[in-house]
């Protein structure tokens, strides 16, 4: 009786070993049979990532800075943020971190595009069906709470080390906020606006594209902002499975105890995160004010 109360009933060792061996063998068989096909399916994504990376690295830095500062001003309408962005990227270039930063921006761009392509339709589907929401929400809970190192294991076993496994890991970690906020934004659209659309005879498709999505855009953009931030947070972990960028030097600094190198590349990650965050937040706030009629 005392053993039952103090020791939780456990699966016998022999059965537990057989269980682990069976699951591992089944997954390895699946990886051997379908791994090449899955790699081929993601080949277009790899080409897009490589294209972004090569383009950014090959672009002369003055041209990149002009485009970046133009986008920063367009998104924020803030001269202070433009000046801060310029000084921040001068710091990155001066301390020899330019190429790694371009590689990181390339994977962020690719992962955000992939997240939007998957996340927006999923969020829309959740907003239109309570049943879909009840199915997808637990999946999102698992994606957000499971440690990234855990789902790196099956990805690496299936696809090996490289850019695409790292990109998939980034997307799995970063996409839940976009799906949740797309669903939330559409569900929170004013019912009076929907009733007015019904009164004018709008179809479901017209209501979605002309009423719900435009009114939910500030919330959706907040989801995109969170996706960008979470993708940047995965940079170092993704570097463990072959993703180039600012994460690899930080990882090397941890292994070899290079204090200065680790701090510099860590600051570069912070700089990229702050620039993306401030610009996307400012743009989202501008959209919200525009929708509320405060500015034109």
Protein backbone atom coordinates (compact mmCIF):
# COMPACT_ATOMS: atom_id res chain seq x y z
CA UNK A 1 0.00 0.00 0.00
CA UNK A 2 2.79 2.41 0.90
CA UNK A 3 4.58 1.74 -2.39
CA UNK A 4 1.40 2.43 -4.33
CA UNK A 5 0.96 5.79 -2.59
CA UNK A 6 4.55 6.95 -2.95
CA UNK A 7 5.49 5.49 -6.37
CA UNK A 8 3.32 6.35 -9.35
CA UNK A 9 2.38 3.24 -11.42
CA UNK A 10 4.76 3.06 -14.37
CA UNK A 11 4.96 1.09 -17.59
CA UNK A 12 7.32 -1.87 -17.13
CA UNK A 13 10.86 -1.26 -18.45
CA UNK A 14 10.66 -3.95 -21.13
CA UNK A 15 7.36 -2.64 -22.53
CA UNK A 16 8.64 0.94 -22.41
CA UNK A 17 11.78 0.00 -24.37
CA UNK A 18 9.70 -1.85 -26.94
CA UNK A 19 7.34 1.11 -27.22
CA UNK A 20 10.22 3.56 -27.88
CA UNK A 21 11.88 1.21 -30.36
CA UNK A 22 8.62 0.71 -32.23
CA UNK A 23 7.88 4.43 -32.53
CA UNK A 24 11.49 5.25 -33.56
CA UNK A 25 11.55 2.47 -36.15
CA UNK A 26 8.21 3.53 -37.61
CA UNK A 27 9.30 7.16 -37.95
CA UNK A 28 12.64 6.17 -39.50
CA UNK A 29 10.81 4.01 -42.04
CA UNK A 30 8.50 6.92 -42.81
CA UNK A 31 11.48 9.28 -43.22
CA UNK A 32 13.28 6.85 -45.56
CA UNK A 33 10.19 6.32 -47.71
CA UNK A 34 8.84 9.86 -47.89
CA UNK A 35 11.82 12.10 -47.05
CA UNK A 36 12.90 12.69 -50.66
CA UNK A 37 9.35 13.50 -51.77
CA UNK A 38 8.88 15.98 -48.92
CA UNK A 39 12.23 17.60 -49.77
CA UNK A 40 11.07 18.01 -53.38
CA UNK A 41 7.81 19.62 -52.21
CA UNK A 42 9.76 22.29 -50.34
CA UNK A 43 12.22 22.91 -53.19
CA UNK A 44 10.39 26.07 -54.43
CA UNK A 45 10.57 27.47 -50.90
CA UNK A 46 14.31 26.78 -50.80
CA UNK A 47 14.75 28.59 -54.12
CA UNK A 48 12.86 31.61 -52.78
CA UNK A 49 15.00 31.71 -49.63
CA UNK A 50 18.25 31.39 -51.62
CA UNK A 51 17.05 34.10 -54.02
CA UNK A 52 16.34 36.54 -51.18
CA UNK A 53 19.65 35.75 -49.51
CA UNK A 54 21.77 36.13 -52.65
CA UNK A 55 19.92 39.30 -53.71
CA UNK A 56 20.35 41.01 -50.35
CA UNK A 57 24.03 40.06 -50.04
CA UNK A 58 24.79 41.10 -53.64
CA UNK A 59 22.95 44.43 -53.37
CA UNK A 60 25.39 47.34 -52.81
CA UNK A 61 24.94 48.67 -49.31
CA UNK A 62 24.02 52.25 -50.37
CA UNK A 63 21.12 50.93 -52.47
CA UNK A 64 19.96 48.66 -49.64
CA UNK A 65 20.11 51.57 -47.19
CA UNK A 66 18.10 53.84 -49.50
CA UNK A 67 15.39 51.18 -49.90
CA UNK A 68 15.40 50.35 -46.18
CA UNK A 69 15.18 53.99 -45.08
CA UNK A 70 12.46 54.66 -47.65
CA UNK A 71 10.40 51.74 -46.35
CA UNK A 72 11.06 52.84 -42.77
CA UNK A 73 9.72 56.34 -43.46
CA UNK A 74 6.79 55.00 -45.48
CA UNK A 75 5.81 52.68 -42.64
CA UNK A 76 6.40 55.01 -39.70
CA UNK A 77 6.39 58.61 -41.01
CA UNK A 78 9.08 59.25 -38.39
CA UNK A 79 12.34 61.02 -39.23
CA UNK A 80 13.75 59.99 -35.83
CA UNK A 81 13.16 56.31 -36.61
CA UNK A 82 14.75 56.75 -40.05
CA UNK A 83 17.86 58.30 -38.49
CA UNK A 84 17.97 55.60 -35.81
CA UNK A 85 17.65 52.86 -38.44
CA UNK A 86 20.47 54.41 -40.48
CA UNK A 87 22.81 54.59 -37.47
CA UNK A 88 21.89 51.05 -36.39
CA UNK A 89 22.75 49.54 -39.77
CA UNK A 90 25.94 51.61 -39.96
CA UNK A 91 26.91 49.93 -36.69
CA UNK A 92 26.13 46.51 -38.19
CA UNK A 93 28.21 47.16 -41.29
CA UNK A 94 31.12 48.80 -39.48
CA UNK A 95 31.55 45.82 -37.17
CA UNK A 96 31.61 43.35 -40.10
CA UNK A 97 28.18 41.79 -39.58
CA UNK A 98 26.55 42.85 -42.85
CA UNK A 99 26.37 39.51 -44.71
CA UNK A 100 25.06 37.62 -41.69
CA UNK A 101 22.41 40.31 -41.18
CA UNK A 102 21.31 40.02 -44.81
CA UNK A 103 21.00 36.23 -44.41
CA UNK A 104 18.89 36.73 -41.30
CA UNK A 105 16.62 39.26 -43.03
CA UNK A 106 16.22 36.79 -45.93
CA UNK A 107 14.98 34.00 -43.66
CA UNK A 108 12.70 36.44 -41.80
CA UNK A 109 11.17 37.62 -45.09
CA UNK A 110 10.68 34.04 -46.30
CA UNK A 111 9.22 32.81 -43.02
CA UNK A 112 6.84 35.78 -42.75
CA UNK A 113 5.63 35.27 -46.34
CA UNK A 114 5.09 31.57 -45.64
CA UNK A 115 3.32 32.39 -42.36
CA UNK A 116 0.99 34.86 -44.07
CA UNK A 117 0.18 32.42 -46.89
CA UNK A 118 -0.71 29.70 -44.35
CA UNK A 119 -1.88 31.82 -41.42
CA UNK A 120 -4.37 34.18 -43.07
CA UNK A 121 -6.55 31.46 -44.66
CA UNK A 122 -6.38 29.42 -41.44
CA UNK A 123 -7.43 32.42 -39.34
CA UNK A 124 -10.23 33.22 -41.77
CA UNK A 125 -11.46 29.61 -41.64
CA UNK A 126 -11.42 29.73 -37.83
CA UNK A 127 -13.42 32.96 -37.79
CA UNK A 128 -16.13 31.46 -40.04
CA UNK A 129 -16.57 28.20 -38.12
CA UNK A 130 -16.63 27.52 -34.38
CA UNK A 131 -15.90 23.88 -35.11
CA UNK A 132 -12.76 24.76 -37.06
CA UNK A 133 -11.70 27.04 -34.22
CA UNK A 134 -12.16 24.25 -31.67
CA UNK A 135 -9.97 21.94 -33.79
CA UNK A 136 -7.20 24.43 -34.63
CA UNK A 137 -6.88 26.11 -31.20
CA UNK A 138 -5.40 23.05 -29.39
CA UNK A 139 -2.91 22.63 -32.26
CA UNK A 140 -1.84 26.26 -31.84
CA UNK A 141 -1.54 25.70 -28.08
CA UNK A 142 0.85 22.81 -28.69
CA UNK A 143 2.87 24.81 -31.24
CA UNK A 144 3.29 27.72 -28.81
CA UNK A 145 4.04 25.72 -25.66
CA UNK A 146 6.20 22.88 -26.96
CA UNK A 147 9.94 23.69 -26.67
CA UNK A 148 11.44 24.31 -30.13
CA UNK A 149 14.16 21.72 -29.50
CA UNK A 150 11.47 19.01 -29.33
CA UNK A 151 10.00 19.56 -32.79
CA UNK A 152 13.48 20.05 -34.25
CA UNK A 153 14.05 16.30 -33.69
CA UNK A 154 11.42 14.95 -36.15
CA UNK A 155 12.17 17.73 -38.67
CA UNK A 156 15.90 16.92 -38.71
CA UNK A 157 15.25 13.16 -38.83
CA UNK A 158 12.92 13.68 -41.80
CA UNK A 159 14.80 16.32 -43.79
CA UNK A 160 18.32 16.44 -42.37
CA UNK A 161 20.35 19.56 -41.62
CA UNK A 162 19.84 22.61 -43.81
CA UNK A 163 17.95 25.79 -44.61
CA UNK A 164 14.49 24.28 -45.13
CA UNK A 165 14.32 22.36 -41.81
CA UNK A 166 15.36 25.57 -40.05
CA UNK A 167 12.78 27.58 -41.96
CA UNK A 168 10.03 25.10 -41.09
CA UNK A 169 11.02 25.28 -37.41
CA UNK A 170 10.86 29.10 -37.55
CA UNK A 171 7.40 29.04 -39.16
CA UNK A 172 6.02 26.51 -36.66
CA UNK A 173 7.20 28.72 -33.81
CA UNK A 174 6.15 32.06 -35.32
CA UNK A 175 2.82 31.43 -37.07
CA UNK A 176 0.37 30.95 -34.12
CA UNK A 177 -0.01 34.69 -33.23
CA UNK A 178 -0.92 35.54 -36.83
CA UNK A 179 -3.59 32.81 -36.96
CA UNK A 180 -5.03 33.76 -33.58
CA UNK A 181 -5.15 37.50 -34.26
CA UNK A 182 -6.62 37.04 -37.75
CA UNK A 183 -9.40 34.98 -36.20
CA UNK A 184 -9.87 37.50 -33.39
CA UNK A 185 -9.83 40.54 -35.68
CA UNK A 186 -12.51 39.15 -38.01
CA UNK A 187 -14.71 37.97 -35.14
CA UNK A 188 -14.54 41.42 -33.51
CA UNK A 189 -15.75 43.30 -36.60
CA UNK A 190 -18.73 45.46 -35.67
CA UNK A 191 -21.95 43.53 -36.26
CA UNK A 192 -23.65 46.73 -37.43
CA UNK A 193 -21.19 46.91 -40.33
CA UNK A 194 -22.03 43.31 -41.26
CA UNK A 195 -25.77 44.03 -41.00
CA UNK A 196 -25.32 47.03 -43.28
CA UNK A 197 -23.48 44.83 -45.79
CA UNK A 198 -26.32 42.28 -45.64
CA UNK A 199 -28.83 45.07 -46.21
CA UNK A 200 -27.00 46.01 -49.42
CA UNK A 201 -27.12 42.39 -50.58
CA UNK A 202 -23.41 41.60 -50.17
CA UNK A 203 -22.36 37.98 -50.60
CA UNK A 204 -20.18 36.18 -48.04
CA UNK A 205 -17.12 36.72 -50.24
CA UNK A 206 -17.88 40.44 -50.61
CA UNK A 207 -18.40 40.81 -46.87
CA UNK A 208 -15.08 39.09 -46.19
CA UNK A 209 -12.96 41.08 -48.63
CA UNK A 210 -14.73 44.44 -48.49
CA UNK A 211 -15.86 44.64 -44.86
CA UNK A 212 -14.32 42.10 -42.47
CA UNK A 213 -10.69 42.00 -43.65
CA UNK A 214 -10.34 45.81 -44.05
CA UNK A 215 -11.79 46.42 -40.57
CA UNK A 216 -9.71 43.62 -39.05
CA UNK A 217 -6.49 44.79 -40.75
CA UNK A 218 -5.00 46.54 -37.66
CA UNK A 219 -5.41 43.37 -35.58
CA UNK A 220 -4.06 41.20 -38.41
CA UNK A 221 -1.06 43.49 -38.74
CA UNK A 222 -0.43 43.14 -35.00
CA UNK A 223 -0.29 39.39 -35.64
CA UNK A 224 2.24 39.91 -38.43
CA UNK A 225 4.31 42.04 -36.05
CA UNK A 226 4.31 39.26 -33.45
CA UNK A 227 5.21 36.70 -36.12
CA UNK A 228 8.24 38.78 -37.13
CA UNK A 229 9.39 39.08 -33.52
CA UNK A 230 9.00 35.37 -32.82
CA UNK A 231 10.80 34.48 -36.05
CA UNK A 232 13.75 36.62 -34.94
CA UNK A 233 13.68 34.90 -31.56
CA UNK A 234 14.19 31.57 -33.37
CA UNK A 235 17.31 32.74 -35.25
CA UNK A 236 19.81 31.24 -32.79
CA UNK A 237 17.93 27.94 -32.40
CA UNK A 238 17.53 27.58 -36.18
CA UNK A 239 21.28 28.12 -36.58
CA UNK A 240 21.79 24.80 -34.77
CA UNK A 241 20.43 22.96 -37.81
CA UNK A 242 22.30 24.81 -40.52
CA UNK A 243 20.52 28.14 -41.02
CA UNK A 244 23.02 30.88 -41.82
CA UNK A 245 22.74 34.31 -40.29
CA UNK A 246 23.34 36.14 -37.04
CA UNK A 247 22.51 33.06 -34.97
CA UNK A 248 25.53 30.98 -36.03
CA UNK A 249 28.19 33.42 -34.69
CA UNK A 250 26.26 33.69 -31.41
CA UNK A 251 26.17 29.90 -31.18
CA UNK A 252 29.92 29.72 -31.91
CA UNK A 253 30.54 32.34 -29.23
CA UNK A 254 28.68 30.22 -26.69
CA UNK A 255 30.67 27.09 -27.58
CA UNK A 256 34.04 28.88 -27.67
CA UNK A 257 33.36 31.55 -25.02
CA UNK A 258 33.95 34.52 -27.34
CA UNK A 259 32.50 37.33 -25.25
CA UNK A 260 32.94 40.27 -27.65
CA UNK A 261 31.76 38.38 -30.73
CA UNK A 262 28.69 37.08 -28.91
CA UNK A 263 27.73 40.52 -27.62
CA UNK A 264 28.19 42.20 -31.02
CA UNK A 265 26.12 39.66 -32.92
CA UNK A 266 23.55 39.63 -30.14
CA UNK A 267 23.25 43.42 -30.49
CA UNK A 268 22.81 42.99 -34.25
CA UNK A 269 19.85 40.67 -33.62
CA UNK A 270 18.39 43.22 -31.20
CA UNK A 271 18.84 46.01 -33.76
CA UNK A 272 17.05 44.08 -36.51
CA UNK A 273 14.27 43.17 -34.08
CA UNK A 274 13.78 46.75 -32.90
CA UNK A 275 13.73 48.17 -36.45
CA UNK A 276 11.20 45.59 -37.66
CA UNK A 277 9.11 46.02 -34.52
CA UNK A 278 9.00 49.83 -34.56
CA UNK A 279 8.22 50.08 -38.27
CA UNK A 280 5.51 47.40 -38.27
CA UNK A 281 3.95 48.78 -35.07
CA UNK A 282 3.92 52.32 -36.45
CA UNK A 283 2.33 51.15 -39.68
CA UNK A 284 -0.29 49.15 -37.79
CA UNK A 285 -1.14 52.18 -35.65
CA UNK A 286 -1.47 54.34 -38.77
CA UNK A 287 -3.88 51.80 -40.28
CA UNK A 288 -5.92 51.80 -37.09
CA UNK A 289 -6.14 55.59 -36.99
CA UNK A 290 -7.05 55.66 -40.66
CA UNK A 291 -9.84 53.11 -40.14
CA UNK A 292 -11.19 55.10 -37.19
CA UNK A 293 -11.17 58.33 -39.25
CA UNK A 294 -8.60 60.16 -37.13
CA UNK A 295 -6.25 60.74 -40.05
CA UNK A 296 -6.55 60.51 -43.77
